[in-house]
């Protein structure tokens, strides 16, 4: 009687399929996390751009005579930044100190943009002394 010495090295087809299923159970949530992080990155980038636009608008208004400035109550497209619009509101909040009138203004700026079918908006407020 001759015995064959069989060496069964390797994996069966069923073992390979089970291993692939286990790996996919771990990989699919990671893909969802990756997709979610890309969306968060896009939102934060656009929000940062909008805040920068609002800061520039406030700084630009600070160099003007605010007593004669006309508010932009309607949305105005931002030059050089496609998809962004802004509006501002200037309110005279002057007050008296020891009988003297102090010229003071509240400057408010809104910036909006659309992303993924939704509209987003940021708002900044600053107070400045009149010129």
Protein backbone atom coordinates (compact mmCIF):
# COMPACT_ATOMS: atom_id res chain seq x y z
CA UNK A 1 0.00 0.00 0.00
CA UNK A 2 1.40 3.34 -1.09
CA UNK A 3 0.34 6.46 0.69
CA UNK A 4 0.27 9.74 -1.11
CA UNK A 5 1.54 12.65 0.88
CA UNK A 6 -0.77 15.50 -0.04
CA UNK A 7 0.08 18.94 1.13
CA UNK A 8 -3.00 21.15 0.93
CA UNK A 9 -1.51 24.61 0.99
CA UNK A 10 -3.67 27.69 0.38
CA UNK A 11 -7.23 28.70 1.05
CA UNK A 12 -10.49 27.36 -0.19
CA UNK A 13 -12.84 29.49 -2.24
CA UNK A 14 -15.25 29.80 0.71
CA UNK A 15 -12.48 31.05 3.01
CA UNK A 16 -11.48 33.69 0.47
CA UNK A 17 -15.10 34.90 0.10
CA UNK A 18 -15.55 35.08 3.91
CA UNK A 19 -12.30 37.06 4.24
CA UNK A 20 -13.42 39.48 1.52
CA UNK A 21 -16.78 40.02 3.23
CA UNK A 22 -15.07 40.75 6.55
CA UNK A 23 -12.72 43.24 4.88
CA UNK A 24 -15.61 44.96 3.07
CA UNK A 25 -17.51 45.33 6.35
CA UNK A 26 -14.56 47.39 7.59
CA UNK A 27 -13.85 49.30 4.35
CA UNK A 28 -17.37 50.51 3.49
CA UNK A 29 -17.72 52.70 6.63
CA UNK A 30 -14.28 54.17 5.91
CA UNK A 31 -15.41 55.16 2.41
CA UNK A 32 -18.45 56.88 3.92
CA UNK A 33 -16.20 58.71 6.36
CA UNK A 34 -13.94 59.82 3.50
CA UNK A 35 -16.92 61.13 1.52
CA UNK A 36 -18.23 62.98 4.56
CA UNK A 37 -14.86 64.59 5.25
CA UNK A 38 -14.68 65.85 1.64
CA UNK A 39 -18.07 67.53 2.08
CA UNK A 40 -16.93 69.11 5.36
CA UNK A 41 -13.75 70.36 3.68
CA UNK A 42 -15.74 71.99 0.87
CA UNK A 43 -18.15 73.67 3.31
CA UNK A 44 -15.36 75.00 5.50
CA UNK A 45 -13.42 76.30 2.49
CA UNK A 46 -16.44 78.18 1.14
CA UNK A 47 -17.28 79.50 4.61
CA UNK A 48 -13.72 80.79 5.03
CA UNK A 49 -13.90 82.53 1.65
CA UNK A 50 -17.22 84.13 2.65
CA UNK A 51 -15.78 85.36 5.96
CA UNK A 52 -12.81 86.83 4.11
CA UNK A 53 -15.18 88.66 1.73
CA UNK A 54 -17.15 90.03 4.71
CA UNK A 55 -13.95 91.21 6.41
CA UNK A 56 -12.81 92.96 3.22
CA UNK A 57 -16.18 94.68 2.90
CA UNK A 58 -16.07 95.88 6.52
CA UNK A 59 -12.51 97.15 6.06
CA UNK A 60 -13.49 98.93 2.85
CA UNK A 61 -16.45 100.60 4.54
CA UNK A 62 -14.23 101.72 7.40
CA UNK A 63 -12.30 103.94 4.99
CA UNK A 64 -15.45 105.78 3.83
CA UNK A 65 -17.50 108.54 5.39
CA UNK A 66 -20.23 106.35 6.85
CA UNK A 67 -22.60 109.26 7.44
CA UNK A 68 -23.13 109.50 3.68
CA UNK A 69 -22.80 105.82 2.86
CA UNK A 70 -25.78 104.20 1.21
CA UNK A 71 -26.57 100.72 2.47
CA UNK A 72 -26.74 97.85 0.01
CA UNK A 73 -29.94 96.24 1.21
CA UNK A 74 -30.16 94.15 -1.94
CA UNK A 75 -27.73 91.31 -2.55
CA UNK A 76 -24.78 92.39 -4.70
CA UNK A 77 -22.52 89.93 -6.52
CA UNK A 78 -18.95 89.92 -5.27
CA UNK A 79 -16.52 90.86 -8.03
CA UNK A 80 -13.95 88.15 -8.61
CA UNK A 81 -15.72 85.55 -6.43
CA UNK A 82 -18.24 83.65 -8.51
CA UNK A 83 -21.29 82.48 -6.60
CA UNK A 84 -20.91 84.84 -3.63
CA UNK A 85 -23.20 87.79 -2.89
CA UNK A 86 -23.15 90.34 -0.08
CA UNK A 87 -25.20 93.09 1.48
CA UNK A 88 -24.44 95.52 4.26
CA UNK A 89 -26.27 97.66 6.78
CA UNK A 90 -24.86 100.71 8.54
CA UNK A 91 -26.60 102.05 11.62
CA UNK A 92 -25.77 105.28 13.40
CA UNK A 93 -25.40 104.37 17.08
CA UNK A 94 -23.92 107.68 18.22
CA UNK A 95 -24.16 108.59 21.89
CA UNK A 96 -23.31 111.46 24.20
CA UNK A 97 -20.38 111.39 26.62
CA UNK A 98 -20.14 114.26 29.09
CA UNK A 99 -22.38 116.32 26.86
CA UNK A 100 -20.32 115.67 23.71
CA UNK A 101 -21.74 113.67 20.83
CA UNK A 102 -19.56 110.68 19.84
CA UNK A 103 -20.09 109.56 16.26
CA UNK A 104 -20.29 105.77 16.21
CA UNK A 105 -21.56 103.31 13.59
CA UNK A 106 -22.54 99.66 13.61
CA UNK A 107 -21.49 98.00 10.34
CA UNK A 108 -23.09 94.66 9.48
CA UNK A 109 -22.22 92.54 6.46
CA UNK A 110 -23.90 89.35 5.21
CA UNK A 111 -22.33 87.09 2.60
CA UNK A 112 -24.23 84.18 1.02
CA UNK A 113 -23.39 81.43 -1.42
CA UNK A 114 -24.95 78.25 -2.76
CA UNK A 115 -23.47 74.81 -2.36
CA UNK A 116 -24.91 71.37 -3.09
CA UNK A 117 -28.37 72.82 -3.65
CA UNK A 118 -28.43 74.67 -0.33
CA UNK A 119 -27.93 78.34 0.44
CA UNK A 120 -25.44 79.30 3.16
CA UNK A 121 -24.77 82.63 4.82
CA UNK A 122 -22.24 84.22 7.17
CA UNK A 123 -22.64 87.45 9.10
CA UNK A 124 -20.12 89.87 10.60
CA UNK A 125 -20.72 92.94 12.74
CA UNK A 126 -18.25 95.66 13.63
CA UNK A 127 -18.43 99.00 15.40
CA UNK A 128 -16.40 101.95 14.21
CA UNK A 129 -15.99 105.58 15.11
CA UNK A 130 -17.22 108.11 12.58
CA UNK A 131 -14.92 110.37 10.63
